[in-house]
Amino acid sequence: MYRRHAASVYRRARRLLGSDAEASEVLQDLFLSLLERPDQFTGASSMSTFLYSATTHACLNRLRNQRNRARLLGQRESARVEPPHADATADETLRIRDALQRLPEPLAEVAVYYFVDELSQREIAEILRCSRRHVGDLVTRIEAWGRAQEEACGPG
């Protein structure tokens, strides 16, 4: 299983985290967790879909932990990261990661799938095993949250 899926898990983590070291840790943690608790994979979806979702969750948790660590230390992370999209700037990438750290978990997951991965609402519904309408409602909430954040921060 590791030989078959490790490269795609690593690429996914690298894309979301922007760090080779962080991606390697997520890769190792994820497969170690599956080795210790194989019942996590229930067979409700394909192994690829399961790992895609599990990697997304692991990366979102890692982003939140980084933000909390920086907050607790009173420091702000200043490392330059690779953009998740080839045409995204470093500033856009940092804004995306900052927003993902602050969004509630269900919204952050959908935001990654919809805005970063550019999946359709139907595809997201299949991954989350919910209705397309529910995904549409979540996307609407994410967009409203984003507008509220922009208004709270003011122009610029």
Foldseek 3Di string as FASTA:
>chain_A
DCVVCLVVLLVLLCLLQQDNVRSVVLSVVVVVVCVVPVVVCVVPDDPNLVSNLSSLLSSLVVLLVVVVVCVVVVHDDDDFGDHSDPPDDSVRRVVLSVLSNPDPVVLSSLCCVCVRVVDQLVVVCVSVVHDSVVSVVSVVVSVVVVVVVDVVVDDD
